[in-house]
Amino acid sequence: MSLPLEIESALREAGLLRGANYPAASLPGGVSCDIWRVGDDGCQVAAMRPLAQNLS
């Protein structure tokens, strides 16, 4: 599974992701968001993306 482009872009803009190859894994358990573990140069971060809400 590949990292969503919007998360990759946000991590690059924040300076947290610099290399072209990095491990990324989707983590289970997110109820209202996608959770990703992303590593680069020995540093790992968790990134979250909110899921669309169904208000009907």
PDB file of N, CA and C in Angstrom:
ATOM      1  N   MET A   1       0.860  -1.179   0.000  1.00  0.00           N
ATOM      2  CA  MET A   1       0.000   0.000   0.000  1.00  0.00           C
ATOM      3  C   MET A   1       0.900   1.234   0.000  1.00  0.00           C
ATOM      4  N   SER A   2       0.588   2.182  -0.844  1.00  0.00           N
ATOM      5  CA  SER A   2       1.438   3.373  -0.929  1.00  0.00           C
ATOM      6  C   SER A   2       0.826   4.547  -0.172  1.00  0.00           C
ATOM      7  N   LEU A   3       1.704   5.399   0.275  1.00  0.00           N
ATOM      8  CA  LEU A   3       1.315   6.583   1.041  1.00  0.00           C
ATOM      9  C   LEU A   3       0.495   7.520   0.162  1.00  0.00           C
ATOM     10  N   PRO A   4      -0.665   8.000   0.640  1.00  0.00           N
ATOM     11  CA  PRO A   4      -1.457   8.957  -0.149  1.00  0.00           C
ATOM     12  C   PRO A   4      -0.634  10.207  -0.477  1.00  0.00           C
ATOM     13  N   LEU A   5      -0.811  10.717  -1.685  1.00  0.00           N
ATOM     14  CA  LEU A   5      -0.036  11.854  -2.167  1.00  0.00           C
ATOM     15  C   LEU A   5      -0.165  13.081  -1.277  1.00  0.00           C
ATOM     16  N   GLU A   6      -1.360  13.341  -0.742  1.00  0.00           N
ATOM     17  CA  GLU A   6      -1.526  14.533   0.100  1.00  0.00           C
ATOM     18  C   GLU A   6      -0.726  14.424   1.402  1.00  0.00           C
ATOM     19  N   ILE A   7      -0.581  13.218   1.948  1.00  0.00           N
ATOM     20  CA  ILE A   7       0.235  13.041   3.155  1.00  0.00           C
ATOM     21  C   ILE A   7       1.705  13.177   2.810  1.00  0.00           C
ATOM     22  N   GLU A   8       2.132  12.551   1.709  1.00  0.00           N
ATOM     23  CA  GLU A   8       3.532  12.666   1.280  1.00  0.00           C
ATOM     24  C   GLU A   8       3.902  14.130   1.046  1.00  0.00           C
ATOM     25  N   SER A   9       3.051  14.870   0.364  1.00  0.00           N
ATOM     26  CA  SER A   9       3.317  16.288   0.081  1.00  0.00           C
ATOM     27  C   SER A   9       3.429  17.100   1.370  1.00  0.00           C
ATOM     28  N   ALA A  10       2.528  16.858   2.309  1.00  0.00           N
ATOM     29  CA  ALA A  10       2.555  17.599   3.579  1.00  0.00           C
ATOM     30  C   ALA A  10       3.834  17.298   4.365  1.00  0.00           C
ATOM     31  N   LEU A  11       4.259  16.035   4.376  1.00  0.00           N
ATOM     32  CA  LEU A  11       5.489  15.670   5.095  1.00  0.00           C
ATOM     33  C   LEU A  11       6.714  16.295   4.427  1.00  0.00           C
ATOM     34  N   ARG A  12       6.724  16.342   3.107  1.00  0.00           N
ATOM     35  CA  ARG A  12       7.852  16.975   2.395  1.00  0.00           C
ATOM     36  C   ARG A  12       7.884  18.484   2.673  1.00  0.00           C
ATOM     37  N   GLU A  13       6.732  19.145   2.646  1.00  0.00           N
ATOM     38  CA  GLU A  13       6.670  20.578   2.921  1.00  0.00           C
ATOM     39  C   GLU A  13       7.142  20.895   4.337  1.00  0.00           C
ATOM     40  N   ALA A  14       6.872  19.994   5.276  1.00  0.00           N
ATOM     41  CA  ALA A  14       7.289  20.195   6.665  1.00  0.00           C
ATOM     42  C   ALA A  14       8.751  19.816   6.888  1.00  0.00           C
ATOM     43  N   GLY A  15       9.400  19.261   5.851  1.00  0.00           N
ATOM     44  CA  GLY A  15      10.796  18.876   5.978  1.00  0.00           C
ATOM     45  C   GLY A  15      10.995  17.547   6.687  1.00  0.00           C
ATOM     46  N   LEU A  16       9.937  16.764   6.831  1.00  0.00           N
ATOM     47  CA  LEU A  16      10.022  15.488   7.540  1.00  0.00           C
ATOM     48  C   LEU A  16      10.290  14.305   6.621  1.00  0.00           C
ATOM     49  N   LEU A  17      10.217  14.540   5.326  1.00  0.00           N
ATOM     50  CA  LEU A  17      10.422  13.473   4.348  1.00  0.00           C
ATOM     51  C   LEU A  17      11.261  14.045   3.212  1.00  0.00           C
ATOM     52  N   ARG A  18      12.489  13.517   3.068  1.00  0.00           N
ATOM     53  CA  ARG A  18      13.394  14.074   2.074  1.00  0.00           C
ATOM     54  C   ARG A  18      13.771  13.075   0.987  1.00  0.00           C
ATOM     55  N   GLY A  19      13.937  11.819   1.324  1.00  0.00           N
ATOM     56  CA  GLY A  19      14.392  10.820   0.367  1.00  0.00           C
ATOM     57  C   GLY A  19      13.304  10.367  -0.590  1.00  0.00           C
ATOM     58  N   ALA A  20      13.747   9.670  -1.642  1.00  0.00           N
ATOM     59  CA  ALA A  20      12.796   9.152  -2.629  1.00  0.00           C
ATOM     60  C   ALA A  20      12.208   7.817  -2.171  1.00  0.00           C
ATOM     61  N   ASN A  21      12.986   7.042  -1.421  1.00  0.00           N
ATOM     62  CA  ASN A  21      12.526   5.742  -0.931  1.00  0.00           C
ATOM     63  C   ASN A  21      12.369   5.790   0.581  1.00  0.00           C
ATOM     64  N   TYR A  22      11.202   5.438   1.043  1.00  0.00           N
ATOM     65  CA  TYR A  22      10.930   5.471   2.473  1.00  0.00           C
ATOM     66  C   TYR A  22       9.892   4.391   2.779  1.00  0.00           C
ATOM     67  N   PRO A  23       9.978   3.785   3.952  1.00  0.00           N
ATOM     68  CA  PRO A  23       8.947   2.823   4.334  1.00  0.00           C
ATOM     69  C   PRO A  23       7.701   3.553   4.829  1.00  0.00           C
ATOM     70  N   ALA A  24       6.547   3.065   4.414  1.00  0.00           N
ATOM     71  CA  ALA A  24       5.273   3.631   4.860  1.00  0.00           C
ATOM     72  C   ALA A  24       4.301   2.483   5.087  1.00  0.00           C
ATOM     73  N   ALA A  25       3.594   2.524   6.202  1.00  0.00           N
ATOM     74  CA  ALA A  25       2.632   1.472   6.516  1.00  0.00           C
ATOM     75  C   ALA A  25       1.361   2.087   7.076  1.00  0.00           C
ATOM     76  N   SER A  26       0.246   1.606   6.588  1.00  0.00           N
ATOM     77  CA  SER A  26      -1.042   2.027   7.121  1.00  0.00           C
ATOM     78  C   SER A  26      -1.256   1.291   8.437  1.00  0.00           C
ATOM     79  N   LEU A  27      -1.636   2.016   9.476  1.00  0.00           N
ATOM     80  CA  LEU A  27      -1.856   1.406  10.786  1.00  0.00           C
ATOM     81  C   LEU A  27      -3.343   1.191  11.021  1.00  0.00           C
ATOM     82  N   PRO A  28      -3.706   0.082  11.640  1.00  0.00           N
ATOM     83  CA  PRO A  28      -5.123  -0.193  11.897  1.00  0.00           C
ATOM     84  C   PRO A  28      -5.645   0.628  13.069  1.00  0.00           C
ATOM     85  N   GLY A  29      -6.958   0.708  13.157  1.00  0.00           N
ATOM     86  CA  GLY A  29      -7.573   1.280  14.344  1.00  0.00           C
ATOM     87  C   GLY A  29      -8.100   2.689  14.207  1.00  0.00           C
ATOM     88  N   GLY A  30      -7.839   3.342  13.094  1.00  0.00           N
ATOM     89  CA  GLY A  30      -8.345   4.708  12.933  1.00  0.00           C
ATOM     90  C   GLY A  30      -9.851   4.699  12.714  1.00  0.00           C
ATOM     91  N   VAL A  31     -10.596   5.382  13.573  1.00  0.00           N
ATOM     92  CA  VAL A  31     -12.051   5.433  13.445  1.00  0.00           C
ATOM     93  C   VAL A  31     -12.457   6.646  12.613  1.00  0.00           C
ATOM     94  N   SER A  32     -11.840   7.784  12.884  1.00  0.00           N
ATOM     95  CA  SER A  32     -12.200   8.999  12.162  1.00  0.00           C
ATOM     96  C   SER A  32     -11.073   9.491  11.263  1.00  0.00           C
ATOM     97  N   CYS A  33      -9.975   8.698  11.169  1.00  0.00           N
ATOM     98  CA  CYS A  33      -8.859   9.108  10.331  1.00  0.00           C
ATOM     99  C   CYS A  33      -8.041   7.903   9.871  1.00  0.00           C
ATOM    100  N   ASP A  34      -7.307   8.097   8.760  1.00  0.00           N
ATOM    101  CA  ASP A  34      -6.292   7.144   8.327  1.00  0.00           C
ATOM    102  C   ASP A  34      -5.036   7.465   9.110  1.00  0.00           C
ATOM    103  N   ILE A  35      -4.331   6.444   9.581  1.00  0.00           N
ATOM    104  CA  ILE A  35      -3.087   6.649  10.317  1.00  0.00           C
ATOM    105  C   ILE A  35      -1.977   5.929   9.559  1.00  0.00           C
ATOM    106  N   TRP A  36      -0.870   6.628   9.332  1.00  0.00           N
ATOM    107  CA  TRP A  36       0.264   6.078   8.612  1.00  0.00           C
ATOM    108  C   TRP A  36       1.533   6.236   9.429  1.00  0.00           C
ATOM    109  N   ARG A  37       2.375   5.203   9.409  1.00  0.00           N
ATOM    110  CA  ARG A  37       3.728   5.282   9.988  1.00  0.00           C
ATOM    111  C   ARG A  37       4.680   5.437   8.810  1.00  0.00           C
ATOM    112  N   VAL A  38       5.486   6.492   8.833  1.00  0.00           N
ATOM    113  CA  VAL A  38       6.386   6.802   7.731  1.00  0.00           C
ATOM    114  C   VAL A  38       7.783   6.999   8.295  1.00  0.00           C
ATOM    115  N   GLY A  39       8.772   6.368   7.676  1.00  0.00           N
ATOM    116  CA  GLY A  39      10.147   6.500   8.138  1.00  0.00           C
ATOM    117  C   GLY A  39      11.032   7.080   7.067  1.00  0.00           C
ATOM    118  N   ASP A  40      12.051   7.814   7.490  1.00  0.00           N
ATOM    119  CA  ASP A  40      13.024   8.394   6.568  1.00  0.00           C
ATOM    120  C   ASP A  40      14.292   8.713   7.348  1.00  0.00           C
ATOM    121  N   ASP A  41      15.436   8.257   6.864  1.00  0.00           N
ATOM    122  CA  ASP A  41      16.736   8.544   7.488  1.00  0.00           C
ATOM    123  C   ASP A  41      16.759   8.258   8.992  1.00  0.00           C
ATOM    124  N   GLY A  42      16.187   7.131   9.415  1.00  0.00           N
ATOM    125  CA  GLY A  42      16.213   6.756  10.818  1.00  0.00           C
ATOM    126  C   GLY A  42      15.170   7.458  11.671  1.00  0.00           C
ATOM    127  N   CYS A  43      14.378   8.330  11.093  1.00  0.00           N
ATOM    128  CA  CYS A  43      13.325   9.046  11.812  1.00  0.00           C
ATOM    129  C   CYS A  43      11.976   8.501  11.377  1.00  0.00           C
ATOM    130  N   GLN A  44      11.097   8.244  12.321  1.00  0.00           N
ATOM    131  CA  GLN A  44       9.750   7.784  11.984  1.00  0.00           C
ATOM    132  C   GLN A  44       8.729   8.745  12.560  1.00  0.00           C
ATOM    133  N   VAL A  45       7.691   8.989  11.768  1.00  0.00           N
ATOM    134  CA  VAL A  45       6.610   9.862  12.201  1.00  0.00           C
ATOM    135  C   VAL A  45       5.281   9.172  11.951  1.00  0.00           C
ATOM    136  N   ALA A  46       4.273   9.601  12.657  1.00  0.00           N
ATOM    137  CA  ALA A  46       2.906   9.147  12.413  1.00  0.00           C
ATOM    138  C   ALA A  46       2.161  10.296  11.756  1.00  0.00           C
ATOM    139  N   ALA A  47       1.461   9.985  10.684  1.00  0.00           N
ATOM    140  CA  ALA A  47       0.694  11.004   9.970  1.00  0.00           C
ATOM    141  C   ALA A  47      -0.759  10.567   9.939  1.00  0.00           C
ATOM    142  N   MET A  48      -1.665  11.503  10.166  1.00  0.00           N
ATOM    143  CA  MET A  48      -3.091  11.194  10.171  1.00  0.00           C
ATOM    144  C   MET A  48      -3.808  12.047   9.140  1.00  0.00           C
ATOM    145  N   ARG A  49      -4.806  11.442   8.499  1.00  0.00           N
ATOM    146  CA  ARG A  49      -5.634  12.136   7.513  1.00  0.00           C
ATOM    147  C   ARG A  49      -7.088  11.886   7.889  1.00  0.00           C
ATOM    148  N   PRO A  50      -7.880  12.937   8.083  1.00  0.00           N
ATOM    149  CA  PRO A  50      -9.274  12.729   8.475  1.00  0.00           C
ATOM    150  C   PRO A  50     -10.056  12.024   7.376  1.00  0.00           C
ATOM    151  N   LEU A  51     -10.971  11.155   7.779  1.00  0.00           N
ATOM    152  CA  LEU A  51     -11.871  10.479   6.853  1.00  0.00           C
ATOM    153  C   LEU A  51     -13.096  11.342   6.621  1.00  0.00           C
ATOM    154  N   ALA A  52     -13.704  11.169   5.476  1.00  0.00           N
ATOM    155  CA  ALA A  52     -14.939  11.885   5.168  1.00  0.00           C
ATOM    156  C   ALA A  52     -16.023  11.473   6.162  1.00  0.00           C
ATOM    157  N   GLN A  53     -16.813  12.415   6.605  1.00  0.00           N
ATOM    158  CA  GLN A  53     -17.889  12.137   7.554  1.00  0.00           C
ATOM    159  C   GLN A  53     -19.206  11.965   6.806  1.00  0.00           C
ATOM    160  N   ASN A  54     -19.950  10.965   7.196  1.00  0.00           N
ATOM    161  CA  ASN A  54     -21.269  10.746   6.634  1.00  0.00           C
ATOM    162  C   ASN A  54     -22.280  11.260   7.665  1.00  0.00           C
ATOM    163  N   LEU A  55     -22.855  12.414   7.409  1.00  0.00           N
ATOM    164  CA  LEU A  55     -23.748  13.051   8.388  1.00  0.00           C
ATOM    165  C   LEU A  55     -25.218  12.781   8.108  1.00  0.00           C
ATOM    166  N   SER A  56     -25.515  11.814   7.254  1.00  0.00           N
ATOM    167  CA  SER A  56     -26.929  11.559   6.962  1.00  0.00           C
ATOM    168  C   SER A  56     -27.509  10.534   7.890  1.00  0.00           C
TER     169      SER A  56
END
